[in-house]
PDB file of N, CA and C in Angstrom:
ATOM      1  N   MET A   1       0.845  -1.181   0.000  1.00  0.00           N
ATOM      2  CA  MET A   1       0.000   0.000   0.000  1.00  0.00           C
ATOM      3  C   MET A   1       0.886   1.238   0.000  1.00  0.00           C
ATOM      4  N   LYS A   2       0.600   2.147  -0.875  1.00  0.00           N
ATOM      5  CA  LYS A   2       1.378   3.379  -0.963  1.00  0.00           C
ATOM      6  C   LYS A   2       0.841   4.407   0.014  1.00  0.00           C
ATOM      7  N   ALA A   3       1.762   5.096   0.641  1.00  0.00           N
ATOM      8  CA  ALA A   3       1.355   6.170   1.558  1.00  0.00           C
ATOM      9  C   ALA A   3       1.070   7.415   0.732  1.00  0.00           C
ATOM     10  N   PRO A   4      -0.050   8.071   0.988  1.00  0.00           N
ATOM     11  CA  PRO A   4      -0.354   9.290   0.227  1.00  0.00           C
ATOM     12  C   PRO A   4       0.600  10.410   0.609  1.00  0.00           C
ATOM     13  N   PHE A   5       0.952  11.218  -0.378  1.00  0.00           N
ATOM     14  CA  PHE A   5       1.809  12.372  -0.115  1.00  0.00           C
ATOM     15  C   PHE A   5       0.973  13.489   0.467  1.00  0.00           C
ATOM     16  N   ASN A   6       1.529  14.150   1.398  1.00  0.00           N
ATOM     17  CA  ASN A   6       0.881  15.308   1.984  1.00  0.00           C
ATOM     18  C   ASN A   6       1.063  16.477   1.020  1.00  0.00           C
ATOM     19  N   SER A   7       0.000  17.148   0.648  1.00  0.00           N
ATOM     20  CA  SER A   7       0.105  18.236  -0.328  1.00  0.00           C
ATOM     21  C   SER A   7       0.981  19.374   0.185  1.00  0.00           C
ATOM     22  N   ALA A   8       1.034  19.581   1.486  1.00  0.00           N
ATOM     23  CA  ALA A   8       1.905  20.626   2.047  1.00  0.00           C
ATOM     24  C   ALA A   8       3.367  20.265   1.819  1.00  0.00           C
ATOM     25  N   ALA A   9       3.702  18.995   1.933  1.00  0.00           N
ATOM     26  CA  ALA A   9       5.078  18.553   1.713  1.00  0.00           C
ATOM     27  C   ALA A   9       5.468  18.736   0.256  1.00  0.00           C
ATOM     28  N   ILE A  10       4.560  18.428  -0.649  1.00  0.00           N
ATOM     29  CA  ILE A  10       4.836  18.599  -2.080  1.00  0.00           C
ATOM     30  C   ILE A  10       5.019  20.079  -2.399  1.00  0.00           C
ATOM     31  N   THR A  11       4.170  20.923  -1.842  1.00  0.00           N
ATOM     32  CA  THR A  11       4.282  22.365  -2.054  1.00  0.00           C
ATOM     33  C   THR A  11       5.614  22.876  -1.537  1.00  0.00           C
ATOM     34  N   LEU A  12       6.017  22.409  -0.356  1.00  0.00           N
ATOM     35  CA  LEU A  12       7.292  22.832   0.228  1.00  0.00           C
ATOM     36  C   LEU A  12       8.459  22.403  -0.656  1.00  0.00           C
ATOM     37  N   LEU A  13       8.433  21.174  -1.152  1.00  0.00           N
ATOM     38  CA  LEU A  13       9.502  20.702  -2.026  1.00  0.00           C
ATOM     39  C   LEU A  13       9.536  21.500  -3.322  1.00  0.00           C
ATOM     40  N   SER A  14       8.394  21.813  -3.885  1.00  0.00           N
ATOM     41  CA  SER A  14       8.332  22.608  -5.114  1.00  0.00           C
ATOM     42  C   SER A  14       8.880  24.009  -4.885  1.00  0.00           C
ATOM     43  N   ALA A  15       8.489  24.616  -3.783  1.00  0.00           N
ATOM     44  CA  ALA A  15       8.964  25.967  -3.467  1.00  0.00           C
ATOM     45  C   ALA A  15      10.465  25.971  -3.226  1.00  0.00           C
ATOM     46  N   THR A  16      10.973  24.943  -2.564  1.00  0.00           N
ATOM     47  CA  THR A  16      12.412  24.850  -2.317  1.00  0.00           C
ATOM     48  C   THR A  16      13.175  24.737  -3.629  1.00  0.00           C
ATOM     49  N   GLY A  17      12.675  23.929  -4.548  1.00  0.00           N
ATOM     50  CA  GLY A  17      13.317  23.794  -5.857  1.00  0.00           C
ATOM     51  C   GLY A  17      13.288  25.091  -6.630  1.00  0.00           C
ATOM     52  N   LEU A  18      12.174  25.812  -6.572  1.00  0.00           N
ATOM     53  CA  LEU A  18      12.053  27.087  -7.268  1.00  0.00           C
ATOM     54  C   LEU A  18      13.031  28.104  -6.692  1.00  0.00           C
ATOM     55  N   ILE A  19      13.106  28.177  -5.379  1.00  0.00           N
ATOM     56  CA  ILE A  19      14.027  29.125  -4.736  1.00  0.00           C
ATOM     57  C   ILE A  19      15.469  28.772  -5.077  1.00  0.00           C
ATOM     58  N   ALA A  20      15.804  27.497  -5.076  1.00  0.00           N
ATOM     59  CA  ALA A  20      17.172  27.080  -5.408  1.00  0.00           C
ATOM     60  C   ALA A  20      17.514  27.452  -6.841  1.00  0.00           C
ATOM     61  N   SER A  21      16.587  27.245  -7.771  1.00  0.00           N
ATOM     62  CA  SER A  21      16.880  27.583  -9.163  1.00  0.00           C
ATOM     63  C   SER A  21      16.963  29.094  -9.352  1.00  0.00           C
ATOM     64  N   MET A  22      16.195  29.861  -8.595  1.00  0.00           N
ATOM     65  CA  MET A  22      16.282  31.314  -8.665  1.00  0.00           C
ATOM     66  C   MET A  22      17.641  31.787  -8.153  1.00  0.00           C
ATOM     67  N   GLY A  23      18.152  31.148  -7.126  1.00  0.00           N
ATOM     68  CA  GLY A  23      19.451  31.511  -6.591  1.00  0.00           C
ATOM     69  C   GLY A  23      20.538  31.341  -7.624  1.00  0.00           C
ATOM     70  N   VAL A  24      20.449  30.300  -8.420  1.00  0.00           N
ATOM     71  CA  VAL A  24      21.420  30.082  -9.486  1.00  0.00           C
ATOM     72  C   VAL A  24      21.289  31.179 -10.533  1.00  0.00           C
ATOM     73  N   ALA A  25      20.068  31.514 -10.892  1.00  0.00           N
ATOM     74  CA  ALA A  25      19.853  32.545 -11.907  1.00  0.00           C
ATOM     75  C   ALA A  25      20.314  33.911 -11.405  1.00  0.00           C
ATOM     76  N   LEU A  26      20.113  34.193 -10.129  1.00  0.00           N
ATOM     77  CA  LEU A  26      20.493  35.487  -9.583  1.00  0.00           C
ATOM     78  C   LEU A  26      21.999  35.632  -9.425  1.00  0.00           C
ATOM     79  N   ALA A  27      22.734  34.547  -9.534  1.00  0.00           N
ATOM     80  CA  ALA A  27      24.178  34.599  -9.343  1.00  0.00           C
ATOM     81  C   ALA A  27      24.914  35.138 -10.562  1.00  0.00           C
ATOM     82  N   ALA A  28      24.221  35.377 -11.652  1.00  0.00           N
ATOM     83  CA  ALA A  28      24.863  35.884 -12.870  1.00  0.00           C
ATOM     84  C   ALA A  28      24.599  37.380 -13.000  1.00  0.00           C
ATOM     85  N   VAL A  29      25.616  38.103 -13.460  1.00  0.00           N
ATOM     86  CA  VAL A  29      25.466  39.534 -13.677  1.00  0.00           C
ATOM     87  C   VAL A  29      24.566  39.761 -14.896  1.00  0.00           C
ATOM     88  N   SER A  30      23.725  40.809 -14.837  1.00  0.00           N
ATOM     89  CA  SER A  30      22.778  41.104 -15.914  1.00  0.00           C
ATOM     90  C   SER A  30      22.820  42.584 -16.262  1.00  0.00           C
ATOM     91  N   LEU A  31      22.339  42.912 -17.448  1.00  0.00           N
ATOM     92  CA  LEU A  31      22.216  44.310 -17.839  1.00  0.00           C
ATOM     93  C   LEU A  31      21.352  45.043 -16.824  1.00  0.00           C
ATOM     94  N   GLY A  32      21.789  46.243 -16.442  1.00  0.00           N
ATOM     95  CA  GLY A  32      21.032  47.048 -15.491  1.00  0.00           C
ATOM     96  C   GLY A  32      21.385  46.808 -14.034  1.00  0.00           C
ATOM     97  N   ASP A  33      22.156  45.760 -13.740  1.00  0.00           N
ATOM     98  CA  ASP A  33      22.595  45.535 -12.361  1.00  0.00           C
ATOM     99  C   ASP A  33      23.461  46.699 -11.908  1.00  0.00           C
ATOM    100  N   ASN A  34      23.386  47.052 -10.642  1.00  0.00           N
ATOM    101  CA  ASN A  34      24.250  48.092 -10.086  1.00  0.00           C
ATOM    102  C   ASN A  34      25.403  47.409  -9.361  1.00  0.00           C
ATOM    103  N   LEU A  35      26.609  47.539  -9.917  1.00  0.00           N
ATOM    104  CA  LEU A  35      27.787  46.894  -9.334  1.00  0.00           C
ATOM    105  C   LEU A  35      28.645  47.859  -8.535  1.00  0.00           C
ATOM    106  N   GLY A  36      28.334  49.149  -8.586  1.00  0.00           N
ATOM    107  CA  GLY A  36      29.121  50.150  -7.872  1.00  0.00           C
ATOM    108  C   GLY A  36      29.867  51.049  -8.837  1.00  0.00           C
ATOM    109  N   THR A  37      30.502  52.074  -8.279  1.00  0.00           N
ATOM    110  CA  THR A  37      31.171  53.066  -9.121  1.00  0.00           C
ATOM    111  C   THR A  37      32.685  53.090  -8.937  1.00  0.00           C
ATOM    112  N   THR A  38      33.202  52.230  -8.083  1.00  0.00           N
ATOM    113  CA  THR A  38      34.661  52.160  -7.914  1.00  0.00           C
ATOM    114  C   THR A  38      35.144  50.772  -8.319  1.00  0.00           C
ATOM    115  N   GLU A  39      36.406  50.690  -8.653  1.00  0.00           N
ATOM    116  CA  GLU A  39      36.979  49.393  -9.028  1.00  0.00           C
ATOM    117  C   GLU A  39      36.812  48.388  -7.889  1.00  0.00           C
ATOM    118  N   ALA A  40      37.042  48.835  -6.661  1.00  0.00           N
ATOM    119  CA  ALA A  40      36.929  47.926  -5.511  1.00  0.00           C
ATOM    120  C   ALA A  40      35.500  47.390  -5.355  1.00  0.00           C
ATOM    121  N   ASP A  41      34.509  48.275  -5.491  1.00  0.00           N
ATOM    122  CA  ASP A  41      33.110  47.848  -5.380  1.00  0.00           C
ATOM    123  C   ASP A  41      32.745  46.854  -6.481  1.00  0.00           C
ATOM    124  N   ILE A  42      33.164  47.154  -7.695  1.00  0.00           N
ATOM    125  CA  ILE A  42      32.830  46.300  -8.835  1.00  0.00           C
ATOM    126  C   ILE A  42      33.513  44.946  -8.710  1.00  0.00           C
ATOM    127  N   ARG A  43      34.786  44.953  -8.346  1.00  0.00           N
ATOM    128  CA  ARG A  43      35.502  43.682  -8.145  1.00  0.00           C
ATOM    129  C   ARG A  43      34.807  42.844  -7.074  1.00  0.00           C
ATOM    130  N   SER A  44      34.421  43.490  -5.984  1.00  0.00           N
ATOM    131  CA  SER A  44      33.754  42.790  -4.890  1.00  0.00           C
ATOM    132  C   SER A  44      32.420  42.194  -5.346  1.00  0.00           C
ATOM    133  N   ALA A  45      31.626  42.987  -6.075  1.00  0.00           N
ATOM    134  CA  ALA A  45      30.326  42.513  -6.555  1.00  0.00           C
ATOM    135  C   ALA A  45      30.485  41.329  -7.507  1.00  0.00           C
ATOM    136  N   LEU A  46      31.455  41.419  -8.404  1.00  0.00           N
ATOM    137  CA  LEU A  46      31.663  40.343  -9.380  1.00  0.00           C
ATOM    138  C   LEU A  46      32.201  39.074  -8.716  1.00  0.00           C
ATOM    139  N   THR A  47      33.178  39.217  -7.832  1.00  0.00           N
ATOM    140  CA  THR A  47      33.734  38.024  -7.180  1.00  0.00           C
ATOM    141  C   THR A  47      32.711  37.361  -6.265  1.00  0.00           C
ATOM    142  N   SER A  48      31.807  38.153  -5.661  1.00  0.00           N
ATOM    143  CA  SER A  48      30.776  37.554  -4.810  1.00  0.00           C
ATOM    144  C   SER A  48      29.791  36.725  -5.634  1.00  0.00           C
ATOM    145  N   GLN A  49      29.735  36.967  -6.934  1.00  0.00           N
ATOM    146  CA  GLN A  49      28.870  36.203  -7.833  1.00  0.00           C
ATOM    147  C   GLN A  49      29.634  35.078  -8.528  1.00  0.00           C
ATOM    148  N   GLY A  50      30.880  34.850  -8.119  1.00  0.00           N
ATOM    149  CA  GLY A  50      31.647  33.728  -8.645  1.00  0.00           C
ATOM    150  C   GLY A  50      32.545  34.040  -9.827  1.00  0.00           C
ATOM    151  N   TYR A  51      32.657  35.304 -10.204  1.00  0.00           N
ATOM    152  CA  TYR A  51      33.515  35.695 -11.322  1.00  0.00           C
ATOM    153  C   TYR A  51      34.940  35.936 -10.830  1.00  0.00           C
ATOM    154  N   THR A  52      35.902  35.679 -11.696  1.00  0.00           N
ATOM    155  CA  THR A  52      37.291  36.049 -11.463  1.00  0.00           C
ATOM    156  C   THR A  52      37.570  37.241 -12.370  1.00  0.00           C
ATOM    157  N   VAL A  53      37.994  38.354 -11.770  1.00  0.00           N
ATOM    158  CA  VAL A  53      38.289  39.552 -12.557  1.00  0.00           C
ATOM    159  C   VAL A  53      39.702  39.428 -13.080  1.00  0.00           C
ATOM    160  N   GLU A  54      39.839  39.350 -14.394  1.00  0.00           N
ATOM    161  CA  GLU A  54      41.135  39.157 -15.031  1.00  0.00           C
ATOM    162  C   GLU A  54      41.815  40.490 -15.356  1.00  0.00           C
ATOM    163  N   GLU A  55      41.010  41.488 -15.732  1.00  0.00           N
ATOM    164  CA  GLU A  55      41.553  42.789 -16.141  1.00  0.00           C
ATOM    165  C   GLU A  55      40.500  43.843 -15.862  1.00  0.00           C
ATOM    166  N   PHE A  56      40.964  45.055 -15.574  1.00  0.00           N
ATOM    167  CA  PHE A  56      40.034  46.153 -15.284  1.00  0.00           C
ATOM    168  C   PHE A  56      40.604  47.426 -15.880  1.00  0.00           C
ATOM    169  N   GLU A  57      39.772  48.198 -16.580  1.00  0.00           N
ATOM    170  CA  GLU A  57      40.250  49.464 -17.134  1.00  0.00           C
ATOM    171  C   GLU A  57      39.116  50.477 -17.179  1.00  0.00           C
ATOM    172  N   THR A  58      39.503  51.743 -17.262  1.00  0.00           N
ATOM    173  CA  THR A  58      38.556  52.849 -17.387  1.00  0.00           C
ATOM    174  C   THR A  58      38.753  53.469 -18.759  1.00  0.00           C
ATOM    175  N   GLU A  59      37.630  53.668 -19.469  1.00  0.00           N
ATOM    176  CA  GLU A  59      37.723  54.214 -20.824  1.00  0.00           C
ATOM    177  C   GLU A  59      36.432  54.966 -21.162  1.00  0.00           C
ATOM    178  N   ASP A  60      36.562  56.229 -21.549  1.00  0.00           N
ATOM    179  CA  ASP A  60      35.422  57.041 -22.006  1.00  0.00           C
ATOM    180  C   ASP A  60      34.249  57.057 -21.027  1.00  0.00           C
ATOM    181  N   GLY A  61      34.528  57.240 -19.742  1.00  0.00           N
ATOM    182  CA  GLY A  61      33.454  57.302 -18.752  1.00  0.00           C
ATOM    183  C   GLY A  61      32.830  55.961 -18.419  1.00  0.00           C
ATOM    184  N   LYS A  62      33.474  54.890 -18.867  1.00  0.00           N
ATOM    185  CA  LYS A  62      32.971  53.543 -18.598  1.00  0.00           C
ATOM    186  C   LYS A  62      34.063  52.728 -17.915  1.00  0.00           C
ATOM    187  N   LEU A  63      33.649  51.837 -17.059  1.00  0.00           N
ATOM    188  CA  LEU A  63      34.553  50.905 -16.403  1.00  0.00           C
ATOM    189  C   LEU A  63      34.358  49.555 -17.081  1.00  0.00           C
ATOM    190  N   GLU A  64      35.452  48.935 -17.475  1.00  0.00           N
ATOM    191  CA  GLU A  64      35.375  47.668 -18.198  1.00  0.00           C
ATOM    192  C   GLU A  64      36.124  46.593 -17.419  1.00  0.00           C
ATOM    193  N   ALA A  65      35.412  45.519 -17.134  1.00  0.00           N
ATOM    194  CA  ALA A  65      36.015  44.403 -16.415  1.00  0.00           C
ATOM    195  C   ALA A  65      35.979  43.170 -17.303  1.00  0.00           C
ATOM    196  N   GLU A  66      37.140  42.558 -17.498  1.00  0.00           N
ATOM    197  CA  GLU A  66      37.207  41.273 -18.193  1.00  0.00           C
ATOM    198  C   GLU A  66      37.156  40.218 -17.106  1.00  0.00           C
ATOM    199  N   VAL A  67      36.148  39.348 -17.186  1.00  0.00           N
ATOM    200  CA  VAL A  67      35.924  38.363 -16.129  1.00  0.00           C
ATOM    201  C   VAL A  67      35.860  36.958 -16.703  1.00  0.00           C
ATOM    202  N   MET A  68      35.993  35.980 -15.816  1.00  0.00           N
ATOM    203  CA  MET A  68      35.919  34.570 -16.189  1.00  0.00           C
ATOM    204  C   MET A  68      35.034  33.876 -15.157  1.00  0.00           C
ATOM    205  N   LYS A  69      34.136  33.017 -15.663  1.00  0.00           N
ATOM    206  CA  LYS A  69      33.310  32.186 -14.783  1.00  0.00           C
ATOM    207  C   LYS A  69      32.973  30.908 -15.526  1.00  0.00           C
ATOM    208  N   ASP A  70      33.190  29.795 -14.877  1.00  0.00           N
ATOM    209  CA  ASP A  70      32.885  28.487 -15.458  1.00  0.00           C
ATOM    210  C   ASP A  70      33.536  28.302 -16.823  1.00  0.00           C
ATOM    211  N   GLY A  71      34.754  28.816 -16.986  1.00  0.00           N
ATOM    212  CA  GLY A  71      35.492  28.658 -18.230  1.00  0.00           C
ATOM    213  C   GLY A  71      35.078  29.599 -19.348  1.00  0.00           C
ATOM    214  N   GLN A  72      34.144  30.493 -19.092  1.00  0.00           N
ATOM    215  CA  GLN A  72      33.664  31.440 -20.101  1.00  0.00           C
ATOM    216  C   GLN A  72      34.161  32.836 -19.781  1.00  0.00           C
ATOM    217  N   GLU A  73      34.835  33.469 -20.754  1.00  0.00           N
ATOM    218  CA  GLU A  73      35.292  34.843 -20.590  1.00  0.00           C
ATOM    219  C   GLU A  73      34.203  35.802 -21.029  1.00  0.00           C
ATOM    220  N   MET A  74      34.130  36.943 -20.338  1.00  0.00           N
ATOM    221  CA  MET A  74      33.121  37.931 -20.659  1.00  0.00           C
ATOM    222  C   MET A  74      33.647  39.314 -20.304  1.00  0.00           C
ATOM    223  N   GLU A  75      33.237  40.318 -21.069  1.00  0.00           N
ATOM    224  CA  GLU A  75      33.548  41.698 -20.739  1.00  0.00           C
ATOM    225  C   GLU A  75      32.278  42.344 -20.199  1.00  0.00           C
ATOM    226  N   VAL A  76      32.419  43.004 -19.044  1.00  0.00           N
ATOM    227  CA  VAL A  76      31.308  43.695 -18.406  1.00  0.00           C
ATOM    228  C   VAL A  76      31.626  45.183 -18.473  1.00  0.00           C
ATOM    229  N   VAL A  77      30.729  45.974 -19.080  1.00  0.00           N
ATOM    230  CA  VAL A  77      30.918  47.415 -19.207  1.00  0.00           C
ATOM    231  C   VAL A  77      29.942  48.097 -18.257  1.00  0.00           C
ATOM    232  N   ILE A  78      30.485  48.953 -17.380  1.00  0.00           N
ATOM    233  CA  ILE A  78      29.708  49.605 -16.330  1.00  0.00           C
ATOM    234  C   ILE A  78      29.805  51.116 -16.487  1.00  0.00           C
ATOM    235  N   ASP A  79      28.688  51.821 -16.323  1.00  0.00           N
ATOM    236  CA  ASP A  79      28.693  53.275 -16.333  1.00  0.00           C
ATOM    237  C   ASP A  79      29.416  53.763 -15.073  1.00  0.00           C
ATOM    238  N   ALA A  80      30.436  54.609 -15.244  1.00  0.00           N
ATOM    239  CA  ALA A  80      31.263  55.054 -14.119  1.00  0.00           C
ATOM    240  C   ALA A  80      30.490  55.921 -13.131  1.00  0.00           C
ATOM    241  N   LYS A  81      29.453  56.622 -13.587  1.00  0.00           N
ATOM    242  CA  LYS A  81      28.693  57.506 -12.688  1.00  0.00           C
ATOM    243  C   LYS A  81      27.584  56.779 -11.947  1.00  0.00           C
ATOM    244  N   SER A  82      26.848  55.924 -12.638  1.00  0.00           N
ATOM    245  CA  SER A  82      25.702  55.263 -12.003  1.00  0.00           C
ATOM    246  C   SER A  82      26.034  53.889 -11.428  1.00  0.00           C
ATOM    247  N   GLY A  83      27.068  53.235 -11.956  1.00  0.00           N
ATOM    248  CA  GLY A  83      27.414  51.886 -11.522  1.00  0.00           C
ATOM    249  C   GLY A  83      26.592  50.802 -12.198  1.00  0.00           C
ATOM    250  N   LEU A  84      25.757  51.187 -13.170  1.00  0.00           N
ATOM    251  CA  LEU A  84      24.892  50.216 -13.838  1.00  0.00           C
ATOM    252  C   LEU A  84      25.629  49.488 -14.958  1.00  0.00           C
ATOM    253  N   VAL A  85      25.328  48.212 -15.104  1.00  0.00           N
ATOM    254  CA  VAL A  85      25.900  47.414 -16.188  1.00  0.00           C
ATOM    255  C   VAL A  85      25.240  47.845 -17.492  1.00  0.00           C
ATOM    256  N   LEU A  86      26.068  48.302 -18.441  1.00  0.00           N
ATOM    257  CA  LEU A  86      25.590  48.781 -19.730  1.00  0.00           C
ATOM    258  C   LEU A  86      25.665  47.715 -20.817  1.00  0.00           C
ATOM    259  N   GLU A  87      26.715  46.905 -20.763  1.00  0.00           N
ATOM    260  CA  GLU A  87      26.949  45.898 -21.805  1.00  0.00           C
ATOM    261  C   GLU A  87      27.550  44.644 -21.197  1.00  0.00           C
ATOM    262  N   LEU A  88      27.220  43.508 -21.795  1.00  0.00           N
ATOM    263  CA  LEU A  88      27.836  42.224 -21.480  1.00  0.00           C
ATOM    264  C   LEU A  88      28.240  41.611 -22.806  1.00  0.00           C
ATOM    265  N   GLU A  89      29.499  41.248 -22.927  1.00  0.00           N
ATOM    266  CA  GLU A  89      29.972  40.669 -24.186  1.00  0.00           C
ATOM    267  C   GLU A  89      30.726  39.385 -23.896  1.00  0.00           C
ATOM    268  N   LEU A  90      30.154  38.268 -24.364  1.00  0.00           N
ATOM    269  CA  LEU A  90      30.838  36.993 -24.228  1.00  0.00           C
ATOM    270  C   LEU A  90      31.985  36.942 -25.211  1.00  0.00           C
ATOM    271  N   GLU A  91      33.124  36.464 -24.755  1.00  0.00           N
ATOM    272  CA  GLU A  91      34.296  36.338 -25.621  1.00  0.00           C
ATOM    273  C   GLU A  91      34.227  35.006 -26.333  1.00  0.00           C
ATOM    274  N   ASP A  92      34.392  35.036 -27.647  1.00  0.00           N
ATOM    275  CA  ASP A  92      34.395  33.845 -28.466  1.00  0.00           C
ATOM    276  C   ASP A  92      35.806  33.270 -28.468  1.00  0.00           C
ATOM    277  N   GLU A  93      35.937  31.992 -28.119  1.00  0.00           N
ATOM    278  CA  GLU A  93      37.261  31.361 -28.060  1.00  0.00           C
ATOM    279  C   GLU A  93      37.990  31.434 -29.397  1.00  0.00           C
ATOM    280  N   ASP A  94      37.263  31.307 -30.503  1.00  0.00           N
ATOM    281  CA  ASP A  94      37.876  31.309 -31.839  1.00  0.00           C
ATOM    282  C   ASP A  94      38.215  32.705 -32.308  1.00  0.00           C
ATOM    283  N   ASP A  95      37.635  33.711 -31.668  1.00  0.00           N
ATOM    284  CA  ASP A  95      37.752  35.093 -32.102  1.00  0.00           C
ATOM    285  C   ASP A  95      39.129  35.698 -31.822  1.00  0.00           C
ATOM    286  N   GLY A  96      39.760  35.247 -30.740  1.00  0.00           N
ATOM    287  CA  GLY A  96      41.028  35.862 -30.361  1.00  0.00           C
ATOM    288  C   GLY A  96      40.808  37.268 -29.865  1.00  0.00           C
ATOM    289  N   ASP A  97      41.688  38.183 -30.229  1.00  0.00           N
ATOM    290  CA  ASP A  97      41.578  39.580 -29.834  1.00  0.00           C
ATOM    291  C   ASP A  97      40.520  40.252 -30.696  1.00  0.00           C
ATOM    292  N   LYS A  98      39.466  40.783 -30.059  1.00  0.00           N
ATOM    293  CA  LYS A  98      38.361  41.345 -30.812  1.00  0.00           C
ATOM    294  C   LYS A  98      38.731  42.628 -31.542  1.00  0.00           C
ATOM    295  N   ASP A  99      39.886  43.223 -31.255  1.00  0.00           N
ATOM    296  CA  ASP A  99      40.322  44.455 -31.922  1.00  0.00           C
ATOM    297  C   ASP A  99      41.062  44.181 -33.235  1.00  0.00           C
ATOM    298  N   ASP A 100      41.294  42.931 -33.580  1.00  0.00           N
ATOM    299  CA  ASP A 100      42.056  42.585 -34.786  1.00  0.00           C
ATOM    300  C   ASP A 100      41.148  42.330 -35.969  1.00  0.00           C
ATOM    301  N   ASP A 101      40.226  43.213 -36.264  1.00  0.00           N
ATOM    302  CA  ASP A 101      39.314  43.001 -37.390  1.00  0.00           C
ATOM    303  C   ASP A 101      39.954  43.399 -38.684  1.00  0.00           C
TER     304      ASP A 101
END
């Protein structure tokens, strides 16, 4: 004889799975995120989300961080005044240096 599942237990398990999957999704940087306006703040925000900051530079009022996570390189462009993420660019392994067009 099978024991019936308690609907509250099923709801709790479903909610736990949803929250866990949201946590994974929230761990990635997205357009519009506020990472801060200083290099230290931005580095801290990115590393807390699991990124390794490989390079950091300031150019034309924008802060640019080259980061690595899970073997994928990405450039994150942040507005220097607001701290908001303006651009995310995944680096293509076959592309090499993107300035060599």
